[in-house]
Amino acid sequence: MPAASQPDSGPGGPAASDAAALVELGLGIFVMKAISLGASLGLFDRLAAGPESSEALAAATGTDPVALRRLVRILASYGALREAEPDRFGLAPRGELLRADVPGSLANFVRMLDSLFVPLLPEAIESVRTGQPVFERVFGAPFFDFLTKEPEVSTVFSESMQDLSRQFIPSVIEAYDFSSFRTLVDVGGGHGSLLRAVLGACPQLRGVLFDLPPVADRARDLLASSDVADRCEAVGGDFFHSVPPGGDAYILSWIIHDWDEPRALRILENCRAAMGGGGRLLLVEAVLPSGYEPHFGWVLDLLMLVGLGGRERDEAEYGDLLAEAGFRMTRVVRTSSPLSIVEAVPQ
């Protein structure tokens, strides 16, 4: 009998529904793997043209028809696909986000998790025992060093982060008023998705994107072809050494959580030095909630532990970190997404 249909146990005992929920949580990694397989096989892209039978999909992808139908059933049961009619499957709303050709696609994000983080799980107990990441133990080099040696993997990672950011950027712009700033420096700004969006919303604002030289070179090309090209520039460098001066606002989106305390402090101290006596610092991060309601920051925190050695933080922890770097946290602005904006000023 399936666990979900068993009767509850007596008073004080666990309910069968709790057991079923735990079983589903335990199997969650296989759901993610199924989504990754669907993206790798191009199922979501193919179904953009309309529903197809599992047999036709198997022929198009060079897979076993029975095995593919088993995969498709999982995807349908978790809302990525829908059965339009018996054994003909089409895209559900979640599946639309897994197409490679849609803005904000999460296909690369799922593939990145599968290739870079799932292999760490067998060693994750070592991270819990030692407090140190196991990425180097598994892949032979620390996370970002590994990416520099593997350009194809680095591209998937970079694109997945840009795609994920595009999902949350509107909520950041909606929640925070950037109109009082003159020059915004986007530290670790990647390919410029956030900076372009902020500049688009604030016609008076000038922007500087700062990232490692190869990333800045790519961002420069993208910014040059955008409608904010005349108000922004891309600068290459290393935020562990210095940050461009001259901004009255500095924004770091999903940067500080990547690093342990000493390196996070170094980045923040370099921002503090670049700002002089004024300006504002904005950290866009998944600030952990005060209670234990579901929030992807809890899982992201474990991912940071095993992969990069960084961490997610709650409001008080960000306040302490900023104070040590020479800032005073002024407020935390929650958004309609899981991200928040931590605002601080020089002390």
C-alpha atoms as a PDB file:
ATOM      1  CA  MET A   1       0.000   0.000   0.000  1.00  0.00           C
ATOM      2  CA  PRO A   2       1.458   3.461  -0.840  1.00  0.00           C
ATOM      3  CA  ALA A   3       2.550   5.399   2.226  1.00  0.00           C
ATOM      4  CA  ALA A   4       0.176   8.296   1.504  1.00  0.00           C
ATOM      5  CA  SER A   5      -2.876   6.019   1.746  1.00  0.00           C
ATOM      6  CA  GLN A   6      -1.969   4.336   5.026  1.00  0.00           C
ATOM      7  CA  PRO A   7      -3.944   5.363   8.090  1.00  0.00           C
ATOM      8  CA  ASP A   8      -2.378   7.713  10.588  1.00  0.00           C
ATOM      9  CA  SER A   9      -0.724   6.114  13.608  1.00  0.00           C
ATOM     10  CA  GLY A  10      -2.097   6.565  17.094  1.00  0.00           C
ATOM     11  CA  PRO A  11      -1.736   9.624  19.328  1.00  0.00           C
ATOM     12  CA  GLY A  12       1.845  10.778  19.586  1.00  0.00           C
ATOM     13  CA  GLY A  13       2.982   8.722  16.609  1.00  0.00           C
ATOM     14  CA  PRO A  14       4.018  10.013  13.190  1.00  0.00           C
ATOM     15  CA  ALA A  15       1.316  10.411  10.582  1.00  0.00           C
ATOM     16  CA  ALA A  16       1.538   8.492   7.338  1.00  0.00           C
ATOM     17  CA  SER A  17       1.283  11.832   5.534  1.00  0.00           C
ATOM     18  CA  ASP A  18       4.498  12.930   7.243  1.00  0.00           C
ATOM     19  CA  ALA A  19       6.200   9.736   6.137  1.00  0.00           C
ATOM     20  CA  ALA A  20       5.033  10.298   2.577  1.00  0.00           C
ATOM     21  CA  ALA A  21       6.299  13.883   2.675  1.00  0.00           C
ATOM     22  CA  LEU A  22       9.710  12.747   3.898  1.00  0.00           C
ATOM     23  CA  VAL A  23       9.900  10.083   1.209  1.00  0.00           C
ATOM     24  CA  GLU A  24       9.111  12.710  -1.424  1.00  0.00           C
ATOM     25  CA  LEU A  25      11.780  15.028  -0.029  1.00  0.00           C
ATOM     26  CA  GLY A  26      14.271  12.180  -0.106  1.00  0.00           C
ATOM     27  CA  LEU A  27      13.466  11.480  -3.733  1.00  0.00           C
ATOM     28  CA  GLY A  28      13.675  15.153  -4.688  1.00  0.00           C
ATOM     29  CA  ILE A  29      17.158  14.826  -6.153  1.00  0.00           C
ATOM     30  CA  PHE A  30      15.748  12.396  -8.724  1.00  0.00           C
ATOM     31  CA  VAL A  31      13.106  14.935  -9.708  1.00  0.00           C
ATOM     32  CA  MET A  32      15.875  17.450 -10.343  1.00  0.00           C
ATOM     33  CA  LYS A  33      17.757  14.800 -12.311  1.00  0.00           C
ATOM     34  CA  ALA A  34      14.666  14.119 -14.416  1.00  0.00           C
ATOM     35  CA  ILE A  35      14.359  17.840 -15.223  1.00  0.00           C
ATOM     36  CA  SER A  36      18.051  17.966 -16.117  1.00  0.00           C
ATOM     37  CA  LEU A  37      17.651  14.936 -18.375  1.00  0.00           C
ATOM     38  CA  GLY A  38      14.675  16.552 -20.088  1.00  0.00           C
ATOM     39  CA  ALA A  39      16.678  19.736 -20.700  1.00  0.00           C
ATOM     40  CA  SER A  40      19.722  17.805 -21.948  1.00  0.00           C
ATOM     41  CA  LEU A  41      17.549  15.828 -24.371  1.00  0.00           C
ATOM     42  CA  GLY A  42      15.940  19.016 -25.654  1.00  0.00           C
ATOM     43  CA  LEU A  43      12.424  17.868 -24.754  1.00  0.00           C
ATOM     44  CA  PHE A  44      11.231  21.290 -23.642  1.00  0.00           C
ATOM     45  CA  ASP A  45      12.558  22.996 -26.761  1.00  0.00           C
ATOM     46  CA  ARG A  46      10.984  20.407 -29.046  1.00  0.00           C
ATOM     47  CA  LEU A  47       7.595  20.648 -27.371  1.00  0.00           C
ATOM     48  CA  ALA A  48       7.478  24.421 -27.901  1.00  0.00           C
ATOM     49  CA  ALA A  49       5.862  23.629 -31.274  1.00  0.00           C
ATOM     50  CA  GLY A  50       3.060  21.649 -29.647  1.00  0.00           C
ATOM     51  CA  PRO A  51       2.283  18.310 -27.960  1.00  0.00           C
ATOM     52  CA  GLU A  52       3.822  15.076 -29.201  1.00  0.00           C
ATOM     53  CA  SER A  53       3.553  11.430 -28.250  1.00  0.00           C
ATOM     54  CA  SER A  54       6.246   9.889 -26.090  1.00  0.00           C
ATOM     55  CA  GLU A  55       7.039   7.569 -28.994  1.00  0.00           C
ATOM     56  CA  ALA A  56       7.643  10.502 -31.346  1.00  0.00           C
ATOM     57  CA  LEU A  57       9.773  12.200 -28.697  1.00  0.00           C
ATOM     58  CA  ALA A  58      11.816   9.022 -28.260  1.00  0.00           C
ATOM     59  CA  ALA A  59      12.428   8.804 -32.007  1.00  0.00           C
ATOM     60  CA  ALA A  60      13.485  12.455 -32.141  1.00  0.00           C
ATOM     61  CA  THR A  61      15.870  12.136 -29.194  1.00  0.00           C
ATOM     62  CA  GLY A  62      17.283   8.702 -29.962  1.00  0.00           C
ATOM     63  CA  THR A  63      16.025   7.165 -26.727  1.00  0.00           C
ATOM     64  CA  ASP A  64      14.149   4.027 -25.758  1.00  0.00           C
ATOM     65  CA  PRO A  65      10.371   4.689 -26.089  1.00  0.00           C
ATOM     66  CA  VAL A  66       9.403   2.934 -22.873  1.00  0.00           C
ATOM     67  CA  ALA A  67      12.201   4.569 -20.888  1.00  0.00           C
ATOM     68  CA  LEU A  68      11.406   8.005 -22.268  1.00  0.00           C
ATOM     69  CA  ARG A  69       7.741   7.640 -21.388  1.00  0.00           C
ATOM     70  CA  ARG A  70       8.775   6.868 -17.815  1.00  0.00           C
ATOM     71  CA  LEU A  71      10.833  10.090 -17.776  1.00  0.00           C
ATOM     72  CA  VAL A  72       8.004  12.115 -19.322  1.00  0.00           C
ATOM     73  CA  ARG A  73       5.565  10.891 -16.678  1.00  0.00           C
ATOM     74  CA  ILE A  74       7.792  12.284 -13.910  1.00  0.00           C
ATOM     75  CA  LEU A  75       8.026  15.625 -15.682  1.00  0.00           C
ATOM     76  CA  ALA A  76       4.262  15.743 -16.069  1.00  0.00           C
ATOM     77  CA  SER A  77       3.629  14.839 -12.442  1.00  0.00           C
ATOM     78  CA  TYR A  78       5.791  17.770 -11.253  1.00  0.00           C
ATOM     79  CA  GLY A  79       4.268  20.378 -13.525  1.00  0.00           C
ATOM     80  CA  ALA A  80       6.936  20.660 -16.231  1.00  0.00           C
ATOM     81  CA  LEU A  81       4.802  18.867 -18.841  1.00  0.00           C
ATOM     82  CA  ARG A  82       1.084  18.202 -19.259  1.00  0.00           C
ATOM     83  CA  GLU A  83      -0.747  15.362 -20.917  1.00  0.00           C
ATOM     84  CA  ALA A  84      -2.757  17.087 -23.669  1.00  0.00           C
ATOM     85  CA  GLU A  85      -4.464  13.808 -24.554  1.00  0.00           C
ATOM     86  CA  PRO A  86      -3.589  10.167 -23.831  1.00  0.00           C
ATOM     87  CA  ASP A  87       0.161   9.718 -24.357  1.00  0.00           C
ATOM     88  CA  ARG A  88       0.590  13.137 -25.994  1.00  0.00           C
ATOM     89  CA  PHE A  89       2.527  15.595 -23.903  1.00  0.00           C
ATOM     90  CA  GLY A  90       2.956  19.347 -24.152  1.00  0.00           C
ATOM     91  CA  LEU A  91       4.618  22.080 -22.140  1.00  0.00           C
ATOM     92  CA  ALA A  92       3.193  23.214 -18.812  1.00  0.00           C
ATOM     93  CA  PRO A  93       4.112  26.703 -17.471  1.00  0.00           C
ATOM     94  CA  ARG A  94       7.153  25.371 -15.604  1.00  0.00           C
ATOM     95  CA  GLY A  95       8.292  23.611 -18.732  1.00  0.00           C
ATOM     96  CA  GLU A  96       8.224  26.892 -20.638  1.00  0.00           C
ATOM     97  CA  LEU A  97      10.963  28.115 -18.282  1.00  0.00           C
ATOM     98  CA  LEU A  98      13.116  25.129 -19.266  1.00  0.00           C
ATOM     99  CA  ARG A  99      13.250  26.026 -22.945  1.00  0.00           C
ATOM    100  CA  ALA A 100      16.703  27.248 -23.936  1.00  0.00           C
ATOM    101  CA  ASP A 101      15.350  30.065 -26.117  1.00  0.00           C
ATOM    102  CA  VAL A 102      13.145  31.966 -23.649  1.00  0.00           C
ATOM    103  CA  PRO A 103      14.273  34.981 -21.586  1.00  0.00           C
ATOM    104  CA  GLY A 104      15.178  33.881 -18.074  1.00  0.00           C
ATOM    105  CA  SER A 105      15.349  30.193 -19.018  1.00  0.00           C
ATOM    106  CA  LEU A 106      16.326  27.972 -16.090  1.00  0.00           C
ATOM    107  CA  ALA A 107      17.577  25.099 -18.253  1.00  0.00           C
ATOM    108  CA  ASN A 108      21.220  26.058 -17.718  1.00  0.00           C
ATOM    109  CA  PHE A 109      20.622  26.476 -13.988  1.00  0.00           C
ATOM    110  CA  VAL A 110      19.324  22.920 -13.650  1.00  0.00           C
ATOM    111  CA  ARG A 111      22.153  21.558 -15.804  1.00  0.00           C
ATOM    112  CA  MET A 112      24.675  23.486 -13.701  1.00  0.00           C
ATOM    113  CA  LEU A 113      23.336  22.044 -10.447  1.00  0.00           C
ATOM    114  CA  ASP A 114      23.454  18.568 -11.932  1.00  0.00           C
ATOM    115  CA  SER A 115      27.017  18.833 -13.232  1.00  0.00           C
ATOM    116  CA  LEU A 116      28.704  20.905 -10.504  1.00  0.00           C
ATOM    117  CA  PHE A 117      26.858  20.260  -7.250  1.00  0.00           C
ATOM    118  CA  VAL A 118      25.198  16.848  -7.371  1.00  0.00           C
ATOM    119  CA  PRO A 119      28.643  15.152  -7.589  1.00  0.00           C
ATOM    120  CA  LEU A 120      29.512  16.786  -4.245  1.00  0.00           C
ATOM    121  CA  LEU A 121      26.724  15.083  -2.314  1.00  0.00           C
ATOM    122  CA  PRO A 122      28.558  11.803  -1.549  1.00  0.00           C
ATOM    123  CA  GLU A 123      31.240  13.880   0.212  1.00  0.00           C
ATOM    124  CA  ALA A 124      28.908  16.392   1.868  1.00  0.00           C
ATOM    125  CA  ILE A 125      29.313  14.765   5.292  1.00  0.00           C
ATOM    126  CA  GLU A 126      32.906  16.014   5.286  1.00  0.00           C
ATOM    127  CA  SER A 127      31.679  19.590   4.922  1.00  0.00           C
ATOM    128  CA  VAL A 128      29.395  19.116   7.923  1.00  0.00           C
ATOM    129  CA  ARG A 129      32.255  17.611   9.927  1.00  0.00           C
ATOM    130  CA  THR A 130      34.870  20.207   9.001  1.00  0.00           C
ATOM    131  CA  GLY A 131      32.950  23.296   7.935  1.00  0.00           C
ATOM    132  CA  GLN A 132      34.951  23.312   4.694  1.00  0.00           C
ATOM    133  CA  PRO A 133      33.808  22.845   1.074  1.00  0.00           C
ATOM    134  CA  VAL A 134      34.503  19.543  -0.680  1.00  0.00           C
ATOM    135  CA  PHE A 135      34.570  20.873  -4.237  1.00  0.00           C
ATOM    136  CA  GLU A 136      38.356  20.612  -4.509  1.00  0.00           C
ATOM    137  CA  ARG A 137      38.236  17.105  -3.055  1.00  0.00           C
ATOM    138  CA  VAL A 138      35.852  16.024  -5.822  1.00  0.00           C
ATOM    139  CA  PHE A 139      36.986  18.103  -8.813  1.00  0.00           C
ATOM    140  CA  GLY A 140      40.664  18.662  -8.027  1.00  0.00           C
ATOM    141  CA  ALA A 141      40.531  22.462  -7.705  1.00  0.00           C
ATOM    142  CA  PRO A 142      38.526  25.092  -5.794  1.00  0.00           C
ATOM    143  CA  PHE A 143      35.274  26.134  -7.440  1.00  0.00           C
ATOM    144  CA  PHE A 144      36.303  29.272  -9.315  1.00  0.00           C
ATOM    145  CA  ASP A 145      39.751  27.888 -10.190  1.00  0.00           C
ATOM    146  CA  PHE A 146      38.022  24.884 -11.721  1.00  0.00           C
ATOM    147  CA  LEU A 147      35.806  27.131 -13.838  1.00  0.00           C
ATOM    148  CA  THR A 148      38.825  28.932 -15.298  1.00  0.00           C
ATOM    149  CA  LYS A 149      40.192  25.561 -16.455  1.00  0.00           C
ATOM    150  CA  GLU A 150      36.881  24.362 -17.912  1.00  0.00           C
ATOM    151  CA  PRO A 151      35.528  27.056 -20.261  1.00  0.00           C
ATOM    152  CA  GLU A 152      32.465  25.060 -21.347  1.00  0.00           C
ATOM    153  CA  VAL A 153      31.424  24.449 -17.749  1.00  0.00           C
ATOM    154  CA  SER A 154      32.217  28.075 -16.927  1.00  0.00           C
ATOM    155  CA  THR A 155      29.922  29.228 -19.729  1.00  0.00           C
ATOM    156  CA  VAL A 156      27.038  27.087 -18.430  1.00  0.00           C
ATOM    157  CA  PHE A 157      27.618  28.437 -14.908  1.00  0.00           C
ATOM    158  CA  SER A 158      27.815  32.063 -16.040  1.00  0.00           C
ATOM    159  CA  GLU A 159      24.725  31.777 -18.223  1.00  0.00           C
ATOM    160  CA  SER A 160      22.799  29.981 -15.501  1.00  0.00           C
ATOM    161  CA  MET A 161      23.552  32.784 -13.038  1.00  0.00           C
ATOM    162  CA  GLN A 162      22.497  35.412 -15.562  1.00  0.00           C
ATOM    163  CA  ASP A 163      19.303  33.500 -16.336  1.00  0.00           C
ATOM    164  CA  LEU A 164      18.497  33.107 -12.656  1.00  0.00           C
ATOM    165  CA  SER A 165      19.159  36.793 -12.036  1.00  0.00           C
ATOM    166  CA  ARG A 166      16.732  37.757 -14.818  1.00  0.00           C
ATOM    167  CA  GLN A 167      13.963  36.000 -12.936  1.00  0.00           C
ATOM    168  CA  PHE A 168      14.518  38.162  -9.840  1.00  0.00           C
ATOM    169  CA  ILE A 169      15.730  41.500 -11.260  1.00  0.00           C
ATOM    170  CA  PRO A 170      12.202  42.943 -11.725  1.00  0.00           C
ATOM    171  CA  SER A 171      11.452  42.375  -8.043  1.00  0.00           C
ATOM    172  CA  VAL A 172      14.635  44.237  -7.036  1.00  0.00           C
ATOM    173  CA  ILE A 173      13.854  47.244  -9.232  1.00  0.00           C
ATOM    174  CA  GLU A 174      10.258  47.288  -8.001  1.00  0.00           C
ATOM    175  CA  ALA A 175      11.318  47.212  -4.334  1.00  0.00           C
ATOM    176  CA  TYR A 176      14.156  49.757  -4.298  1.00  0.00           C
ATOM    177  CA  ASP A 177      14.339  53.369  -5.490  1.00  0.00           C
ATOM    178  CA  PHE A 178      17.592  53.922  -7.417  1.00  0.00           C
ATOM    179  CA  SER A 179      16.566  57.355  -8.725  1.00  0.00           C
ATOM    180  CA  SER A 180      18.572  59.401  -6.201  1.00  0.00           C
ATOM    181  CA  PHE A 181      21.931  58.001  -7.352  1.00  0.00           C
ATOM    182  CA  ARG A 182      24.205  59.495  -9.996  1.00  0.00           C
ATOM    183  CA  THR A 183      26.685  56.635 -10.579  1.00  0.00           C
ATOM    184  CA  LEU A 184      26.027  52.989  -9.725  1.00  0.00           C
ATOM    185  CA  VAL A 185      28.983  50.589  -9.641  1.00  0.00           C
ATOM    186  CA  ASP A 186      27.929  46.960 -10.127  1.00  0.00           C
ATOM    187  CA  VAL A 187      30.677  44.953  -8.418  1.00  0.00           C
ATOM    188  CA  GLY A 188      30.937  41.434  -9.828  1.00  0.00           C
ATOM    189  CA  GLY A 189      28.236  42.407 -12.301  1.00  0.00           C
ATOM    190  CA  GLY A 190      28.710  39.494 -14.706  1.00  0.00           C
ATOM    191  CA  HIS A 191      27.316  40.246 -18.136  1.00  0.00           C
ATOM    192  CA  GLY A 192      25.346  43.255 -16.940  1.00  0.00           C
ATOM    193  CA  SER A 193      21.745  42.046 -16.722  1.00  0.00           C
ATOM    194  CA  LEU A 194      21.069  43.861 -13.446  1.00  0.00           C
ATOM    195  CA  LEU A 195      22.921  47.030 -14.419  1.00  0.00           C
ATOM    196  CA  ARG A 196      21.114  47.299 -17.758  1.00  0.00           C
ATOM    197  CA  ALA A 197      17.763  46.890 -16.045  1.00  0.00           C
ATOM    198  CA  VAL A 198      18.490  49.521 -13.377  1.00  0.00           C
ATOM    199  CA  LEU A 199      19.791  52.001 -15.951  1.00  0.00           C
ATOM    200  CA  GLY A 200      16.734  51.349 -18.084  1.00  0.00           C
ATOM    201  CA  ALA A 201      14.504  52.267 -15.146  1.00  0.00           C
ATOM    202  CA  CYS A 202      16.536  55.366 -14.200  1.00  0.00           C
ATOM    203  CA  PRO A 203      17.373  57.577 -17.220  1.00  0.00           C
ATOM    204  CA  GLN A 204      19.519  59.946 -15.149  1.00  0.00           C
ATOM    205  CA  LEU A 205      21.798  57.193 -13.833  1.00  0.00           C
ATOM    206  CA  ARG A 206      25.277  56.283 -15.061  1.00  0.00           C
ATOM    207  CA  GLY A 207      26.656  52.781 -14.526  1.00  0.00           C
ATOM    208  CA  VAL A 208      30.011  51.045 -14.154  1.00  0.00           C
ATOM    209  CA  LEU A 209      30.191  47.269 -14.434  1.00  0.00           C
ATOM    210  CA  PHE A 210      33.198  45.743 -12.657  1.00  0.00           C
ATOM    211  CA  ASP A 211      34.253  42.116 -13.005  1.00  0.00           C
ATOM    212  CA  LEU A 212      37.223  39.951 -13.947  1.00  0.00           C
ATOM    213  CA  PRO A 213      38.747  41.086 -17.263  1.00  0.00           C
ATOM    214  CA  PRO A 214      37.366  38.249 -19.451  1.00  0.00           C
ATOM    215  CA  VAL A 215      33.891  38.752 -17.997  1.00  0.00           C
ATOM    216  CA  ALA A 216      34.122  42.518 -18.361  1.00  0.00           C
ATOM    217  CA  ASP A 217      35.182  42.120 -21.998  1.00  0.00           C
ATOM    218  CA  ARG A 218      32.058  40.091 -22.732  1.00  0.00           C
ATOM    219  CA  ALA A 219      29.885  42.523 -20.782  1.00  0.00           C
ATOM    220  CA  ARG A 220      31.365  45.434 -22.737  1.00  0.00           C
ATOM    221  CA  ASP A 221      30.141  43.915 -25.995  1.00  0.00           C
ATOM    222  CA  LEU A 222      26.668  43.300 -24.582  1.00  0.00           C
ATOM    223  CA  LEU A 223      26.398  46.765 -23.076  1.00  0.00           C
ATOM    224  CA  ALA A 224      27.582  48.380 -26.320  1.00  0.00           C
ATOM    225  CA  SER A 225      24.608  46.900 -28.166  1.00  0.00           C
ATOM    226  CA  SER A 226      22.077  47.903 -25.498  1.00  0.00           C
ATOM    227  CA  ASP A 227      19.933  51.018 -25.266  1.00  0.00           C
ATOM    228  CA  VAL A 228      21.961  52.236 -22.256  1.00  0.00           C
ATOM    229  CA  ALA A 229      25.341  52.055 -24.031  1.00  0.00           C
ATOM    230  CA  ASP A 230      25.977  55.796 -23.712  1.00  0.00           C
ATOM    231  CA  ARG A 231      25.564  55.701 -19.919  1.00  0.00           C
ATOM    232  CA  CYS A 232      27.709  52.777 -18.859  1.00  0.00           C
ATOM    233  CA  GLU A 233      31.145  51.231 -19.096  1.00  0.00           C
ATOM    234  CA  ALA A 234      32.711  47.899 -18.212  1.00  0.00           C
ATOM    235  CA  VAL A 235      35.931  47.778 -16.188  1.00  0.00           C
ATOM    236  CA  GLY A 236      38.088  44.703 -15.619  1.00  0.00           C
ATOM    237  CA  GLY A 237      39.777  43.953 -12.319  1.00  0.00           C
ATOM    238  CA  ASP A 238      39.741  41.859  -9.139  1.00  0.00           C
ATOM    239  CA  PHE A 239      37.512  42.869  -6.240  1.00  0.00           C
ATOM    240  CA  PHE A 240      39.933  41.214  -3.810  1.00  0.00           C
ATOM    241  CA  HIS A 241      42.476  43.903  -4.773  1.00  0.00           C
ATOM    242  CA  SER A 242      40.387  47.025  -5.364  1.00  0.00           C
ATOM    243  CA  VAL A 243      37.064  48.383  -6.608  1.00  0.00           C
ATOM    244  CA  PRO A 244      36.605  51.355  -8.975  1.00  0.00           C
ATOM    245  CA  PRO A 245      36.135  54.657  -7.117  1.00  0.00           C
ATOM    246  CA  GLY A 246      33.703  57.363  -8.091  1.00  0.00           C
ATOM    247  CA  GLY A 247      30.320  55.765  -7.441  1.00  0.00           C
ATOM    248  CA  ASP A 248      27.775  57.115  -5.018  1.00  0.00           C
ATOM    249  CA  ALA A 249      26.201  53.644  -4.892  1.00  0.00           C
ATOM    250  CA  TYR A 250      27.790  50.202  -5.061  1.00  0.00           C
ATOM    251  CA  ILE A 251      25.698  47.096  -5.654  1.00  0.00           C
ATOM    252  CA  LEU A 252      26.795  43.480  -5.231  1.00  0.00           C
ATOM    253  CA  SER A 253      24.260  40.888  -6.338  1.00  0.00           C
ATOM    254  CA  TRP A 254      24.823  37.339  -5.095  1.00  0.00           C
ATOM    255  CA  ILE A 255      28.512  38.048  -4.460  1.00  0.00           C
ATOM    256  CA  ILE A 256      29.121  38.093  -0.709  1.00  0.00           C
ATOM    257  CA  HIS A 257      27.395  34.754  -0.098  1.00  0.00           C
ATOM    258  CA  ASP A 258      30.014  33.008  -2.265  1.00  0.00           C
ATOM    259  CA  TRP A 259      32.842  33.660   0.172  1.00  0.00           C
ATOM    260  CA  ASP A 260      34.025  32.803   3.668  1.00  0.00           C
ATOM    261  CA  GLU A 261      34.246  35.563   6.285  1.00  0.00           C
ATOM    262  CA  PRO A 262      37.840  36.756   5.588  1.00  0.00           C
ATOM    263  CA  ARG A 263      37.298  37.055   1.834  1.00  0.00           C
ATOM    264  CA  ALA A 264      33.822  38.527   2.176  1.00  0.00           C
ATOM    265  CA  LEU A 265      35.329  41.146   4.487  1.00  0.00           C
ATOM    266  CA  ARG A 266      38.089  41.900   1.989  1.00  0.00           C
ATOM    267  CA  ILE A 267      35.545  42.597  -0.762  1.00  0.00           C
ATOM    268  CA  LEU A 268      33.471  44.818   1.521  1.00  0.00           C
ATOM    269  CA  GLU A 269      36.530  46.671   2.812  1.00  0.00           C
ATOM    270  CA  ASN A 270      37.606  47.383  -0.765  1.00  0.00           C
ATOM    271  CA  CYS A 271      34.136  48.766  -1.469  1.00  0.00           C
ATOM    272  CA  ARG A 272      34.414  50.883   1.673  1.00  0.00           C
ATOM    273  CA  ALA A 273      37.776  52.270   0.526  1.00  0.00           C
ATOM    274  CA  ALA A 274      36.390  53.105  -2.930  1.00  0.00           C
ATOM    275  CA  MET A 275      33.400  54.948  -1.474  1.00  0.00           C
ATOM    276  CA  GLY A 276      35.296  57.403   0.665  1.00  0.00           C
ATOM    277  CA  GLY A 277      33.124  59.164   3.200  1.00  0.00           C
ATOM    278  CA  GLY A 278      29.731  58.841   1.510  1.00  0.00           C
ATOM    279  CA  GLY A 279      27.572  56.728  -0.709  1.00  0.00           C
ATOM    280  CA  ARG A 280      25.501  53.609  -0.217  1.00  0.00           C
ATOM    281  CA  LEU A 281      26.262  49.930  -0.393  1.00  0.00           C
ATOM    282  CA  LEU A 282      23.553  47.553  -1.626  1.00  0.00           C
ATOM    283  CA  LEU A 283      23.828  43.788  -1.222  1.00  0.00           C
ATOM    284  CA  VAL A 284      21.281  41.719  -3.112  1.00  0.00           C
ATOM    285  CA  GLU A 285      21.162  38.403  -1.297  1.00  0.00           C
ATOM    286  CA  ALA A 286      18.833  35.663  -0.080  1.00  0.00           C
ATOM    287  CA  VAL A 287      18.686  37.021   3.463  1.00  0.00           C
ATOM    288  CA  LEU A 288      17.545  34.198   5.705  1.00  0.00           C
ATOM    289  CA  PRO A 289      14.174  34.726   7.404  1.00  0.00           C
ATOM    290  CA  SER A 290      13.854  35.006  11.173  1.00  0.00           C
ATOM    291  CA  GLY A 291      11.639  31.919  11.377  1.00  0.00           C
ATOM    292  CA  TYR A 292      11.899  28.569   9.675  1.00  0.00           C
ATOM    293  CA  GLU A 293       9.309  28.995   6.960  1.00  0.00           C
ATOM    294  CA  PRO A 294      10.234  27.461   3.601  1.00  0.00           C
ATOM    295  CA  HIS A 295      12.820  29.619   1.849  1.00  0.00           C
ATOM    296  CA  PHE A 296      15.330  28.598  -0.768  1.00  0.00           C
ATOM    297  CA  GLY A 297      18.053  30.320   1.247  1.00  0.00           C
ATOM    298  CA  TRP A 298      18.171  27.360   3.628  1.00  0.00           C
ATOM    299  CA  VAL A 299      19.061  24.944   0.841  1.00  0.00           C
ATOM    300  CA  LEU A 300      21.306  27.503  -0.846  1.00  0.00           C
ATOM    301  CA  ASP A 301      23.230  27.758   2.429  1.00  0.00           C
ATOM    302  CA  LEU A 302      24.058  24.039   2.320  1.00  0.00           C
ATOM    303  CA  LEU A 303      25.026  24.351  -1.334  1.00  0.00           C
ATOM    304  CA  MET A 304      27.422  27.180  -0.415  1.00  0.00           C
ATOM    305  CA  LEU A 305      28.902  25.073   2.385  1.00  0.00           C
ATOM    306  CA  VAL A 306      29.743  22.048   0.260  1.00  0.00           C
ATOM    307  CA  GLY A 307      30.619  23.881  -2.945  1.00  0.00           C
ATOM    308  CA  LEU A 308      32.214  27.265  -2.367  1.00  0.00           C
ATOM    309  CA  GLY A 309      32.802  27.660   1.337  1.00  0.00           C
ATOM    310  CA  GLY A 310      30.482  30.646   1.473  1.00  0.00           C
ATOM    311  CA  ARG A 311      27.235  31.021   3.391  1.00  0.00           C
ATOM    312  CA  GLU A 312      23.827  32.625   3.525  1.00  0.00           C
ATOM    313  CA  ARG A 313      23.216  35.011   6.422  1.00  0.00           C
ATOM    314  CA  ASP A 314      20.308  36.446   8.346  1.00  0.00           C
ATOM    315  CA  GLU A 315      19.782  40.146   8.970  1.00  0.00           C
ATOM    316  CA  ALA A 316      21.815  40.252  12.199  1.00  0.00           C
ATOM    317  CA  GLU A 317      24.716  38.377  10.617  1.00  0.00           C
ATOM    318  CA  TYR A 318      24.836  40.815   7.698  1.00  0.00           C
ATOM    319  CA  GLY A 319      24.781  43.681  10.192  1.00  0.00           C
ATOM    320  CA  ASP A 320      27.764  42.264  12.067  1.00  0.00           C
ATOM    321  CA  LEU A 321      29.722  41.554   8.878  1.00  0.00           C
ATOM    322  CA  LEU A 322      29.098  45.045   7.521  1.00  0.00           C
ATOM    323  CA  ALA A 323      30.081  46.681  10.807  1.00  0.00           C
ATOM    324  CA  GLU A 324      33.395  44.841  10.792  1.00  0.00           C
ATOM    325  CA  ALA A 325      34.015  46.154   7.253  1.00  0.00           C
ATOM    326  CA  GLY A 326      33.329  49.777   8.261  1.00  0.00           C
ATOM    327  CA  PHE A 327      29.643  50.059   7.364  1.00  0.00           C
ATOM    328  CA  ARG A 328      26.413  50.641   9.245  1.00  0.00           C
ATOM    329  CA  MET A 329      23.440  48.639   8.012  1.00  0.00           C
ATOM    330  CA  THR A 330      20.484  50.977   7.576  1.00  0.00           C
ATOM    331  CA  ARG A 331      17.732  48.613   6.482  1.00  0.00           C
ATOM    332  CA  VAL A 332      16.842  45.369   4.734  1.00  0.00           C
ATOM    333  CA  VAL A 333      14.358  45.755   1.904  1.00  0.00           C
ATOM    334  CA  ARG A 334      12.382  42.605   1.191  1.00  0.00           C
ATOM    335  CA  THR A 335      11.246  41.977  -2.370  1.00  0.00           C
ATOM    336  CA  SER A 336       8.493  39.873  -3.905  1.00  0.00           C
ATOM    337  CA  SER A 337      11.165  37.258  -4.730  1.00  0.00           C
ATOM    338  CA  PRO A 338      13.321  35.294  -2.254  1.00  0.00           C
ATOM    339  CA  LEU A 339      15.981  38.028  -2.543  1.00  0.00           C
ATOM    340  CA  SER A 340      16.361  41.073  -0.296  1.00  0.00           C
ATOM    341  CA  ILE A 341      18.387  44.268  -0.571  1.00  0.00           C
ATOM    342  CA  VAL A 342      20.691  44.981   2.369  1.00  0.00           C
ATOM    343  CA  GLU A 343      21.422  48.710   2.475  1.00  0.00           C
ATOM    344  CA  ALA A 344      24.416  50.146   4.333  1.00  0.00           C
ATOM    345  CA  VAL A 345      26.381  53.394   4.602  1.00  0.00           C
ATOM    346  CA  PRO A 346      29.971  54.086   5.682  1.00  0.00           C
ATOM    347  CA  GLN A 347      30.410  54.446   9.431  1.00  0.00           C
END
